[in-house]
Amino acid sequence: MPNKMIYVAEADLPIFERARELAGGSLSALIARALRLYVQTEEARVQKPDGLKGKAGSDGEFMRQNFQGRRLAKQTVHTIDDRLVNQVVAHNARGKLVLYTKEIANWSQYDKNDWTTWDWDAGNYQLETYDTLEALKPHIAATLYDTVVRALLGTATPIDASDKPASEE
C-alpha cells in the first residue's frame, strides 16, 4: 500500500486530533472520505449548474419553482390534438433526474386579431423528480430518453430532440 506524507501546521493539530477521535482512530480513512467529498463538490461546481425556473399547476393555478441542475436534454412535440408539449430533463445537485413538462395550446392556431378568444389558462405545467433513468423512461419519448442517456454518459452534448410528430414517438 503506497504511503503519502502530509504536513500539518502546528496550529491545525487540535482539529486533526479531534477529527481522528470522531473517525474512530483512522485519520487516513477520514482524509480519503473528505477528499472524495471535496472532489465531488468541486466537480459539481465546475459543471456550473443552470438555474432552472418553471411553474407547476394547471387551470390558472400555478406555483413558481426554481432549482439548480444541469440541463441534459429538451424536446418540443406538436401533438395530434394541436397542443405543444415541451419537456426538459435535468440532473439536479442531489443526483436525481428532474422532468419539467410544459403543455400549452398551440398559439399559432388562435385568431391573432381577437385576443379575447384565447384561453390564457390552457396550460399544464409539471415538475417531477425521479431517482433513476428507469423510473424516468415511461414518462418521456424514446428520442428524448436516448438524448438524456447520451448526455449522462458524456458521449454527446445536450441536444434538442424537438419537433418530432407525436405519432412517431
Protein backbone atom coordinates (compact mmCIF):
# COMPACT_ATOMS: atom_id res chain seq x y z
CA MET A 1 0.00 0.00 0.00
CA PRO A 2 1.51 3.37 -1.01
CA ASN A 3 2.34 5.86 1.70
CA LYS A 4 1.67 9.56 1.39
CA MET A 5 3.02 12.11 3.81
CA ILE A 6 1.08 15.20 4.76
CA TYR A 7 2.48 18.05 6.74
CA VAL A 8 0.22 19.72 9.26
CA ALA A 9 0.78 23.18 10.68
CA GLU A 10 1.09 23.15 14.44
CA ALA A 11 -1.95 25.43 14.74
CA ASP A 12 -4.05 22.79 12.92
CA LEU A 13 -3.04 19.85 15.15
CA PRO A 14 -6.04 20.17 17.51
CA ILE A 15 -8.52 19.86 14.63
CA PHE A 16 -6.65 16.82 13.27
CA GLU A 17 -6.74 15.18 16.69
CA ARG A 18 -10.46 15.85 17.12
CA ALA A 19 -11.15 14.56 13.62
CA ARG A 20 -9.19 11.36 14.38
CA GLU A 21 -11.24 10.83 17.56
CA LEU A 22 -14.53 11.33 15.70
CA ALA A 23 -13.40 8.97 12.92
CA GLY A 24 -12.65 6.19 15.37
CA GLY A 25 -8.89 6.45 15.11
CA SER A 26 -8.33 6.14 11.34
CA LEU A 27 -7.20 9.52 10.13
CA SER A 28 -6.26 8.14 6.71
CA ALA A 29 -9.83 6.84 6.06
CA LEU A 30 -11.20 10.20 7.19
CA ILE A 31 -8.87 12.12 4.87
CA ALA A 32 -9.82 9.88 1.91
CA ARG A 33 -13.52 10.44 2.70
CA ALA A 34 -13.02 14.20 2.95
CA LEU A 35 -11.11 14.25 -0.34
CA ARG A 36 -13.87 12.30 -2.12
CA LEU A 37 -16.42 14.83 -0.87
CA TYR A 38 -14.16 17.71 -1.92
CA VAL A 39 -13.70 16.28 -5.44
CA GLN A 40 -17.47 15.72 -5.86
CA THR A 41 -18.22 19.26 -4.71
CA GLU A 42 -15.60 20.87 -6.94
CA GLU A 43 -16.62 18.82 -9.99
CA ALA A 44 -20.24 19.85 -9.46
CA ARG A 45 -19.20 23.48 -9.11
CA VAL A 46 -17.10 23.38 -12.27
CA GLN A 47 -20.03 21.96 -14.24
CA LYS A 48 -21.78 25.25 -13.47
CA PRO A 49 -25.34 24.06 -12.98
CA ASP A 50 -28.08 26.02 -14.65
CA GLY A 51 -30.52 27.98 -12.55
CA LEU A 52 -33.70 26.43 -13.88
CA LYS A 53 -37.08 28.05 -13.34
CA GLY A 54 -40.55 26.82 -14.02
CA LYS A 55 -44.04 26.72 -12.71
CA ALA A 56 -46.29 23.84 -11.76
CA GLY A 57 -50.06 23.62 -11.91
CA SER A 58 -52.94 23.96 -14.34
CA ASP A 59 -56.19 25.84 -14.96
CA GLY A 60 -54.68 29.17 -13.94
CA GLU A 61 -53.43 27.90 -10.54
CA PHE A 62 -49.65 27.93 -10.66
CA MET A 63 -46.72 27.81 -8.26
CA ARG A 64 -43.25 29.02 -9.27
CA GLN A 65 -40.42 26.55 -8.70
CA ASN A 66 -36.67 27.04 -9.01
CA PHE A 67 -33.82 24.56 -8.69
CA GLN A 68 -30.17 24.13 -9.56
CA GLY A 69 -29.34 21.47 -12.06
CA ARG A 70 -27.54 20.60 -15.26
CA ARG A 71 -29.82 20.58 -18.28
CA LEU A 72 -29.41 17.31 -20.14
CA ALA A 73 -31.95 17.49 -22.96
CA LYS A 74 -35.17 19.06 -24.15
CA GLN A 75 -37.85 18.20 -26.65
CA THR A 76 -40.88 20.01 -28.05
CA VAL A 77 -43.62 17.97 -29.66
CA HIS A 78 -46.67 19.22 -31.56
CA THR A 79 -49.38 16.71 -30.62
CA ILE A 80 -52.19 15.43 -32.80
CA ASP A 81 -54.74 17.39 -30.73
CA ASP A 82 -52.89 20.66 -31.57
CA ARG A 83 -51.01 21.22 -28.32
CA LEU A 84 -47.34 21.91 -27.76
CA VAL A 85 -45.58 19.73 -25.18
CA ASN A 86 -42.17 20.95 -24.09
CA GLN A 87 -40.13 18.63 -21.85
CA VAL A 88 -36.80 19.44 -20.24
CA VAL A 89 -34.75 16.83 -18.37
CA ALA A 90 -32.10 17.98 -15.91
CA HIS A 91 -29.77 16.38 -13.39
CA ASN A 92 -30.10 18.14 -10.03
CA ALA A 93 -27.48 18.70 -7.34
CA ARG A 94 -28.73 15.65 -5.39
CA GLY A 95 -28.15 13.34 -8.35
CA LYS A 96 -31.82 12.94 -9.24
CA LEU A 97 -33.38 13.41 -12.66
CA VAL A 98 -35.87 16.26 -12.95
CA LEU A 99 -38.53 16.34 -15.65
CA TYR A 100 -40.20 19.67 -16.36
CA THR A 101 -43.19 19.36 -18.69
CA LYS A 102 -45.00 22.37 -20.11
CA GLU A 103 -48.10 21.59 -22.16
CA ILE A 104 -49.84 24.53 -23.80
CA ALA A 105 -52.24 25.25 -26.60
CA ASN A 106 -50.67 25.88 -29.98
CA TRP A 107 -50.94 29.69 -30.02
CA SER A 108 -50.47 29.85 -33.77
CA GLN A 109 -53.98 28.42 -34.17
CA TYR A 110 -55.59 31.33 -32.31
CA ASP A 111 -57.03 34.39 -34.03
CA LYS A 112 -54.28 36.99 -33.80
CA ASN A 113 -56.82 39.79 -34.29
CA ASP A 114 -59.10 38.73 -31.43
CA TRP A 115 -57.22 38.01 -28.23
CA THR A 116 -60.49 37.59 -26.32
CA THR A 117 -60.83 34.13 -27.86
CA TRP A 118 -57.50 32.99 -26.44
CA ASP A 119 -57.57 30.59 -23.49
CA TRP A 120 -54.78 32.08 -21.37
CA ASP A 121 -55.04 29.39 -18.69
CA ALA A 122 -54.95 26.48 -21.13
CA GLY A 123 -51.65 25.17 -19.84
CA ASN A 124 -50.46 22.31 -17.71
CA TYR A 125 -47.06 22.55 -16.02
CA GLN A 126 -45.42 19.74 -14.04
CA LEU A 127 -42.12 19.34 -12.24
CA GLU A 128 -41.34 15.74 -11.32
CA THR A 129 -38.25 14.11 -9.80
CA TYR A 130 -37.04 10.57 -10.50
CA ASP A 131 -34.33 8.58 -8.74
CA THR A 132 -33.28 6.53 -11.78
CA LEU A 133 -33.32 6.52 -15.55
CA GLU A 134 -35.62 3.50 -15.45
CA ALA A 135 -38.16 5.46 -13.40
CA LEU A 136 -37.99 8.40 -15.84
CA LYS A 137 -38.21 6.33 -19.03
CA PRO A 138 -42.02 5.76 -19.18
CA HIS A 139 -42.67 9.50 -18.84
CA ILE A 140 -40.73 10.70 -21.89
CA ALA A 141 -40.43 9.86 -25.58
CA ALA A 142 -37.82 7.36 -26.74
CA THR A 143 -35.84 10.04 -28.63
CA LEU A 144 -35.67 12.25 -25.55
CA TYR A 145 -34.66 9.28 -23.39
CA ASP A 146 -31.82 8.40 -25.78
CA THR A 147 -30.61 12.01 -25.70
CA VAL A 148 -30.66 12.01 -21.88
CA VAL A 149 -28.67 8.76 -21.75
CA ARG A 150 -26.06 10.12 -24.17
CA ALA A 151 -25.77 13.35 -22.15
CA LEU A 152 -25.31 11.42 -18.90
CA LEU A 153 -22.67 9.18 -20.46
CA GLY A 154 -20.89 12.22 -21.83
CA THR A 155 -20.97 10.86 -25.38
CA ALA A 156 -22.88 13.84 -26.71
CA THR A 157 -23.54 17.40 -25.81
CA PRO A 158 -27.11 18.15 -24.71
CA ILE A 159 -29.29 18.08 -27.79
CA ASP A 160 -32.69 19.46 -28.59
CA ALA A 161 -34.72 16.48 -29.82
CA SER A 162 -37.61 18.76 -30.85
CA ASP A 163 -40.33 18.73 -33.40
CA LYS A 164 -40.88 15.03 -33.81
CA PRO A 165 -44.57 14.47 -34.51
CA ALA A 166 -46.28 12.74 -31.61
CA SER A 167 -47.22 9.84 -33.87
CA GLU A 168 -43.51 8.96 -34.28
CA GLU A 169 -42.90 8.60 -30.55
